Amino acid sequence: MPATSWKHSCLSMTAGIGVITMIITVAWWLAQTLSLADFGIGPLSLALFIGILLGNAHRLPAMLQPGIHFAQQKLLRAGIMLFGLHVSIEQLLHVGGQAFAIDLIVITTILIGGTWLGIRVFRLEHDLAVMIAAGSAICGAAAVVATEPVVRGSSAHTSMAVATVVIFGSLAMLIYPLIFHITGATPESFGIYTGATVHEVAQVVAIGHGIGDNAAQTAVIVKLLRVMLLAPVLMLLTLWWRSKESNTCHGRSGLTIPWFAFGFIVVVIINSSWSMPPQLHQNLALLDTLMLSAAMAALGLETRLDRMRQLGLKPLLFAGVLFLFLMTGGGILTQWLL
């Protein structure tokens, strides 16, 4: 590569990463200053929405694209891999077989049934239906952005899917404490219900702490079990998507292997088998959040509100139906199995 071209590429990459760094800084400052974590709104969601506002307020220079694409692709995959630091096999074994069964039924039902509902009933495009179902079934925004490379989702579709997770997960934080007081459930059983049915880890933490320490600990562990199931779901989804594309394209489609899903499993195993120094673990977990925040900011910069408006109300209605299924069906399932 000529020196001039190399210098231009480095400058473009630096400029794009610089804009994303600015967005992340503002998002973290707002999250800390306004204590938004107490309401289940973290830096990832804020970075996405700030990116959308900035990307739609000004036409982005072409020189920013290399840095934006780097964050949206490379940093996203690295962040999903390091997300395994939040899970250990010991934690998963602690909740027992019943909680695992509830998680497995919830994920299978919402992912398969929800995808069918989104495509057949709501007439959504396949990638959008899958991403909304994955975000509802597994672990919110992280599941949406992890699914996006497999289904080749557009920026508008991915942002819409993330938005539904934020909206209905925030609604859960208002409704679930009321359900707890109305039903008179034990903190432990309600913690399992919360961890098995609420979208985001941050939202689960907020609901759990509002009920009590026992509920919070149980809810987070059950939620992390759902996070752990992200990797096998991605692999199965890849096989299904390949089969669908092969039928559509007469067998010309290649297999997109989500290698970062294998990396996620490796990180979980390392996190479970090695007593990592606390400071190192904390720093790596912070790096993970920063990389995922960067991916969200890049996604926001690439999203155009006019494209999201063209999607209409159907994605929100679809996500709302899945939310009702999670809330009611998950409650019945928890009561039946516990």
Protein backbone atom coordinates (compact mmCIF):
# COMPACT_ATOMS: atom_id res chain seq x y z
CA MET A 1 0.00 0.00 0.00
CA PRO A 2 1.43 3.43 -0.95
CA ALA A 3 2.45 5.65 1.97
CA THR A 4 -0.18 8.25 1.10
CA SER A 5 -3.00 5.68 1.02
CA TRP A 6 -1.80 4.12 4.29
CA LYS A 7 -1.68 7.54 5.95
CA HIS A 8 -5.19 8.35 4.70
CA SER A 9 -6.54 5.02 5.98
CA CYS A 10 -5.03 5.59 9.41
CA LEU A 11 -6.45 9.10 9.53
CA SER A 12 -9.93 7.86 8.55
CA MET A 13 -9.83 5.08 11.13
CA THR A 14 -8.68 7.50 13.83
CA ALA A 15 -11.37 10.03 12.96
CA GLY A 16 -14.18 7.44 13.09
CA ILE A 17 -12.95 5.94 16.36
CA GLY A 18 -12.59 9.47 17.76
CA VAL A 19 -16.25 10.27 17.11
CA ILE A 20 -17.31 6.97 18.67
CA THR A 21 -15.10 7.63 21.70
CA MET A 22 -16.80 10.98 22.15
CA ILE A 23 -20.23 9.32 22.06
CA ILE A 24 -19.16 6.68 24.60
CA THR A 25 -17.78 9.35 26.93
CA VAL A 26 -21.04 11.30 26.86
CA ALA A 27 -23.08 8.11 27.35
CA TRP A 28 -21.04 7.03 30.38
CA TRP A 29 -21.15 10.52 31.86
CA LEU A 30 -24.94 10.66 31.52
CA ALA A 31 -25.34 7.15 32.96
CA GLN A 32 -23.21 8.02 36.00
CA THR A 33 -24.46 11.57 36.56
CA LEU A 34 -28.16 10.76 36.27
CA SER A 35 -27.86 7.34 37.99
CA LEU A 36 -29.69 5.80 35.05
CA ALA A 37 -28.41 2.32 35.94
CA ASP A 38 -30.99 2.33 38.74
CA PHE A 39 -33.63 2.42 36.02
CA GLY A 40 -32.01 -0.32 33.93
CA ILE A 41 -30.64 2.10 31.32
CA GLY A 42 -26.92 1.63 30.80
CA PRO A 43 -24.17 3.09 28.61
CA LEU A 44 -24.98 0.69 25.75
CA SER A 45 -28.51 1.99 25.24
CA LEU A 46 -27.40 5.59 25.69
CA ALA A 47 -24.56 5.18 23.18
CA LEU A 48 -27.03 3.81 20.63
CA PHE A 49 -29.48 6.71 21.03
CA ILE A 50 -26.77 9.38 21.04
CA GLY A 51 -25.36 7.81 17.88
CA ILE A 52 -28.80 7.91 16.23
CA LEU A 53 -29.27 11.58 17.17
CA LEU A 54 -25.82 12.57 15.92
CA GLY A 55 -26.04 10.48 12.75
CA ASN A 56 -29.37 12.03 11.81
CA ALA A 57 -28.51 15.60 12.82
CA HIS A 58 -25.52 15.81 10.47
CA ARG A 59 -24.48 14.00 7.32
CA LEU A 60 -21.43 12.00 8.33
CA PRO A 61 -18.25 12.54 6.28
CA ALA A 62 -17.16 9.50 4.28
CA MET A 63 -13.80 9.48 6.05
CA LEU A 64 -15.50 8.36 9.29
CA GLN A 65 -16.77 5.11 7.76
CA PRO A 66 -13.67 2.90 8.33
CA GLY A 67 -13.70 3.62 12.09
CA ILE A 68 -17.47 3.15 12.31
CA HIS A 69 -17.34 -0.17 10.46
CA PHE A 70 -14.43 -1.35 12.63
CA ALA A 71 -16.46 -0.69 15.79
CA GLN A 72 -19.64 -2.20 14.35
CA GLN A 73 -17.92 -5.40 13.26
CA LYS A 74 -14.61 -6.13 15.01
CA LEU A 75 -15.29 -4.50 18.38
CA LEU A 76 -18.78 -6.01 18.46
CA ARG A 77 -17.48 -9.55 18.04
CA ALA A 78 -14.69 -9.02 20.59
CA GLY A 79 -17.21 -7.57 23.03
CA ILE A 80 -19.55 -10.55 22.68
CA MET A 81 -16.61 -12.88 23.37
CA LEU A 82 -15.61 -11.01 26.53
CA PHE A 83 -19.26 -10.99 27.62
CA GLY A 84 -18.46 -14.49 28.89
CA LEU A 85 -16.64 -12.87 31.81
CA HIS A 86 -20.05 -12.20 33.37
CA VAL A 87 -20.86 -15.93 33.54
CA SER A 88 -19.32 -18.87 35.38
CA ILE A 89 -20.32 -22.52 35.32
CA GLU A 90 -20.40 -22.54 39.14
CA GLN A 91 -23.06 -19.80 39.11
CA LEU A 92 -25.13 -21.71 36.60
CA LEU A 93 -25.01 -24.93 38.61
CA HIS A 94 -26.15 -23.02 41.71
CA VAL A 95 -29.66 -22.36 40.39
CA GLY A 96 -30.48 -26.02 39.76
CA GLY A 97 -32.22 -28.01 37.08
CA GLN A 98 -35.65 -26.43 37.47
CA ALA A 99 -34.40 -22.93 36.72
CA PHE A 100 -32.44 -24.29 33.75
CA ALA A 101 -35.60 -25.99 32.46
CA ILE A 102 -37.56 -22.73 32.76
CA ASP A 103 -34.85 -20.81 30.89
CA LEU A 104 -34.66 -23.43 28.17
CA ILE A 105 -38.44 -23.51 27.64
CA VAL A 106 -38.65 -19.70 27.61
CA ILE A 107 -35.84 -19.31 25.08
CA THR A 108 -37.08 -22.10 22.80
CA THR A 109 -40.70 -20.92 22.86
CA ILE A 110 -40.00 -17.22 22.36
CA LEU A 111 -37.28 -17.71 19.75
CA ILE A 112 -39.03 -20.30 17.59
CA GLY A 113 -42.64 -19.30 18.21
CA GLY A 114 -41.80 -15.60 18.18
CA THR A 115 -39.91 -15.81 14.89
CA TRP A 116 -42.83 -17.65 13.30
CA LEU A 117 -45.26 -15.08 14.69
CA GLY A 118 -43.18 -12.16 13.47
CA ILE A 119 -42.80 -13.54 9.95
CA ARG A 120 -46.21 -15.14 9.40
CA VAL A 121 -48.58 -12.95 11.41
CA PHE A 122 -46.88 -9.53 11.57
CA ARG A 123 -45.30 -9.92 8.11
CA LEU A 124 -41.93 -8.61 9.26
CA GLU A 125 -38.76 -9.20 7.29
CA HIS A 126 -36.99 -12.32 8.48
CA ASP A 127 -33.90 -10.64 9.93
CA LEU A 128 -36.00 -8.16 11.95
CA ALA A 129 -38.30 -10.87 13.32
CA VAL A 130 -35.33 -13.04 14.37
CA MET A 131 -33.47 -10.17 16.08
CA ILE A 132 -36.52 -9.00 18.07
CA ALA A 133 -37.26 -12.60 19.09
CA ALA A 134 -33.62 -13.19 20.09
CA GLY A 135 -33.48 -9.97 22.11
CA SER A 136 -36.67 -10.93 23.94
CA ALA A 137 -35.70 -14.58 24.45
CA ILE A 138 -32.06 -14.37 25.50
CA CYS A 139 -30.30 -11.26 26.74
CA GLY A 140 -31.64 -8.08 25.23
CA ALA A 141 -29.44 -5.77 23.20
CA ALA A 142 -26.41 -8.08 23.41
CA ALA A 143 -28.44 -10.87 21.78
CA VAL A 144 -29.71 -8.50 19.08
CA VAL A 145 -26.25 -7.31 18.07
CA ALA A 146 -24.83 -10.85 18.32
CA THR A 147 -27.57 -12.13 16.02
CA GLU A 148 -27.14 -9.32 13.48
CA PRO A 149 -24.01 -10.76 11.76
CA VAL A 150 -25.69 -14.16 11.39
CA VAL A 151 -28.90 -12.85 9.78
CA ARG A 152 -27.15 -9.93 8.05
CA GLY A 153 -29.55 -7.42 9.58
CA SER A 154 -29.68 -3.86 8.33
CA SER A 155 -28.79 -0.96 10.65
CA ALA A 156 -32.41 0.21 10.76
CA HIS A 157 -33.66 -3.26 11.66
CA THR A 158 -30.98 -3.77 14.31
CA SER A 159 -31.68 -0.39 15.93
CA MET A 160 -35.42 -1.08 15.93
CA ALA A 161 -34.85 -4.46 17.60
CA VAL A 162 -32.63 -2.86 20.27
CA ALA A 163 -35.23 -0.12 20.81
CA THR A 164 -37.95 -2.70 21.53
CA VAL A 165 -35.71 -4.34 24.14
CA VAL A 166 -35.15 -1.00 25.89
CA ILE A 167 -38.84 -0.01 25.78
CA PHE A 168 -40.38 -3.24 27.05
CA GLY A 169 -37.54 -4.02 29.46
CA SER A 170 -38.08 -0.59 31.02
CA LEU A 171 -41.81 -1.30 31.19
CA ALA A 172 -41.01 -4.56 33.02
CA MET A 173 -39.20 -2.58 35.72
CA LEU A 174 -42.46 -0.78 36.47
CA ILE A 175 -44.76 -3.79 36.26
CA TYR A 176 -42.78 -6.61 37.90
CA PRO A 177 -42.60 -5.10 41.44
CA LEU A 178 -46.39 -4.74 41.31
CA ILE A 179 -46.74 -8.39 40.26
CA PHE A 180 -44.53 -9.42 43.19
CA HIS A 181 -46.72 -7.63 45.73
CA ILE A 182 -49.97 -8.81 44.13
CA THR A 183 -49.01 -12.48 43.85
CA GLY A 184 -47.27 -12.78 47.22
CA ALA A 185 -44.54 -14.95 45.69
CA THR A 186 -41.39 -15.79 47.63
CA PRO A 187 -38.33 -13.67 46.77
CA GLU A 188 -36.47 -16.73 45.47
CA SER A 189 -39.24 -17.93 43.14
CA PHE A 190 -39.87 -14.40 41.91
CA GLY A 191 -36.15 -14.00 41.31
CA ILE A 192 -36.22 -17.07 39.04
CA TYR A 193 -39.27 -15.66 37.24
CA THR A 194 -37.57 -12.29 36.78
CA GLY A 195 -34.29 -13.75 35.54
CA ALA A 196 -36.09 -16.04 33.09
CA THR A 197 -38.36 -13.42 31.51
CA VAL A 198 -36.88 -9.89 31.66
CA HIS A 199 -34.83 -8.70 28.66
CA GLU A 200 -31.62 -7.02 29.91
CA VAL A 201 -29.20 -7.96 32.70
CA ALA A 202 -29.31 -4.37 33.99
CA GLN A 203 -33.11 -4.48 34.10
CA VAL A 204 -33.02 -7.78 36.01
CA VAL A 205 -30.61 -6.26 38.54
CA ALA A 206 -32.85 -3.21 39.01
CA ILE A 207 -35.99 -5.31 39.58
CA GLY A 208 -34.21 -7.79 41.85
CA HIS A 209 -32.71 -5.14 44.12
CA GLY A 210 -36.10 -3.47 44.41
CA ILE A 211 -37.46 -6.70 45.90
CA GLY A 212 -34.56 -7.88 48.07
CA ASP A 213 -31.04 -9.30 48.09
CA ASN A 214 -32.17 -12.94 47.77
CA ALA A 215 -34.37 -12.13 44.80
CA ALA A 216 -31.60 -10.07 43.18
CA GLN A 217 -28.96 -12.78 43.48
CA THR A 218 -31.26 -15.52 42.20
CA ALA A 219 -32.57 -13.35 39.35
CA VAL A 220 -29.08 -12.45 38.14
CA ILE A 221 -27.86 -16.06 38.17
CA VAL A 222 -30.93 -17.27 36.25
CA LYS A 223 -30.45 -14.40 33.80
CA LEU A 224 -26.79 -15.31 33.30
CA LEU A 225 -27.87 -18.84 32.46
CA ARG A 226 -29.91 -17.35 29.60
CA VAL A 227 -26.81 -15.39 28.55
CA MET A 228 -24.81 -18.63 28.53
CA LEU A 229 -27.30 -20.14 26.08
CA LEU A 230 -26.55 -17.35 23.59
CA ALA A 231 -23.66 -19.29 22.04
CA PRO A 232 -25.54 -22.54 21.19
CA VAL A 233 -28.51 -20.50 19.97
CA LEU A 234 -26.25 -18.59 17.56
CA MET A 235 -24.83 -21.83 16.19
CA LEU A 236 -28.26 -23.37 15.64
CA LEU A 237 -29.51 -20.11 14.15
CA THR A 238 -26.58 -20.10 11.72
CA LEU A 239 -27.51 -23.57 10.46
CA TRP A 240 -31.17 -22.58 10.06
CA TRP A 241 -30.31 -19.34 8.28
CA ARG A 242 -27.95 -21.16 5.93
CA SER A 243 -30.69 -23.66 5.10
CA LYS A 244 -33.18 -20.84 4.46
CA GLU A 245 -30.76 -18.98 2.21
CA SER A 246 -29.83 -22.16 0.35
CA ASN A 247 -33.47 -22.78 -0.47
CA THR A 248 -33.88 -19.19 -1.62
CA CYS A 249 -30.64 -18.96 -3.61
CA HIS A 250 -30.64 -22.50 -5.00
CA GLY A 251 -27.73 -23.66 -2.89
CA ARG A 252 -25.29 -20.85 -3.69
CA SER A 253 -25.22 -19.51 -0.13
CA GLY A 254 -22.17 -20.11 2.05
CA LEU A 255 -22.09 -20.81 5.77
CA THR A 256 -21.42 -17.83 8.04
CA ILE A 257 -19.89 -19.34 11.17
CA PRO A 258 -20.22 -17.13 14.28
CA TRP A 259 -16.67 -17.75 15.55
CA PHE A 260 -17.18 -15.17 18.29
CA ALA A 261 -19.77 -17.56 19.83
CA PHE A 262 -17.01 -20.16 20.30
CA GLY A 263 -14.86 -17.41 21.80
CA PHE A 264 -17.68 -16.62 24.22
CA ILE A 265 -17.71 -20.27 25.40
CA VAL A 266 -13.92 -20.28 25.82
CA VAL A 267 -14.08 -17.11 27.95
CA VAL A 268 -16.81 -18.68 30.13
CA ILE A 269 -14.62 -21.76 30.67
CA ILE A 270 -11.58 -19.60 31.53
CA ASN A 271 -13.69 -17.49 33.87
CA SER A 272 -14.92 -20.67 35.58
CA SER A 273 -11.60 -22.51 35.89
CA TRP A 274 -9.08 -19.74 36.58
CA SER A 275 -9.07 -17.56 39.67
CA MET A 276 -8.42 -14.37 37.80
CA PRO A 277 -7.04 -11.46 39.87
CA PRO A 278 -10.04 -9.25 40.78
CA GLN A 279 -8.48 -6.12 39.28
CA LEU A 280 -7.77 -7.90 35.97
CA HIS A 281 -11.31 -9.27 35.85
CA GLN A 282 -12.73 -5.83 36.57
CA ASN A 283 -10.59 -4.20 33.88
CA LEU A 284 -11.52 -6.81 31.26
CA ALA A 285 -15.21 -6.49 32.14
CA LEU A 286 -14.90 -2.72 31.72
CA LEU A 287 -13.15 -3.22 28.37
CA ASP A 288 -16.02 -5.49 27.31
CA THR A 289 -18.62 -2.84 28.15
CA LEU A 290 -16.60 -0.20 26.30
CA MET A 291 -16.35 -2.34 23.16
CA LEU A 292 -20.07 -3.13 23.18
CA SER A 293 -20.82 0.56 23.78
CA ALA A 294 -18.63 1.42 20.78
CA ALA A 295 -20.54 -1.08 18.64
CA MET A 296 -23.84 0.46 19.76
CA ALA A 297 -22.59 3.98 18.99
CA ALA A 298 -21.49 2.85 15.51
CA LEU A 299 -24.84 1.19 14.95
CA GLY A 300 -26.59 4.42 15.93
CA LEU A 301 -24.47 6.49 13.56
CA GLU A 302 -25.42 4.18 10.69
CA THR A 303 -29.15 4.28 11.50
CA ARG A 304 -31.49 6.63 9.68
CA LEU A 305 -34.73 7.54 11.43
CA ASP A 306 -36.61 7.75 8.15
CA ARG A 307 -35.82 4.09 7.54
CA MET A 308 -37.03 3.19 11.03
CA ARG A 309 -40.23 5.17 10.48
CA GLN A 310 -40.85 3.17 7.31
CA LEU A 311 -41.00 0.04 9.46
CA GLY A 312 -44.16 1.37 11.13
CA LEU A 313 -45.71 0.13 14.36
CA LYS A 314 -45.63 -3.57 13.53
CA PRO A 315 -42.19 -4.25 15.13
CA LEU A 316 -43.31 -2.56 18.36
CA LEU A 317 -46.59 -4.46 18.40
CA PHE A 318 -44.72 -7.71 17.77
CA ALA A 319 -42.27 -7.01 20.60
CA GLY A 320 -45.22 -6.10 22.85
CA VAL A 321 -46.86 -9.46 22.17
CA LEU A 322 -43.61 -11.26 23.03
CA PHE A 323 -43.39 -9.20 26.23
CA LEU A 324 -46.89 -10.33 27.24
CA PHE A 325 -45.97 -13.94 26.46
CA LEU A 326 -42.86 -13.63 28.63
CA MET A 327 -44.71 -12.00 31.50
CA THR A 328 -47.77 -14.29 31.60
CA GLY A 329 -46.38 -17.53 30.18
CA GLY A 330 -43.19 -17.23 32.23
CA GLY A 331 -45.24 -16.73 35.40
CA ILE A 332 -47.38 -19.81 34.72
CA LEU A 333 -44.28 -21.87 33.86
CA THR A 334 -42.44 -20.80 37.02
CA GLN A 335 -45.43 -21.61 39.20
CA TRP A 336 -45.83 -25.00 37.54
CA LEU A 337 -42.20 -26.16 37.75
CA LEU A 338 -41.20 -24.77 41.16
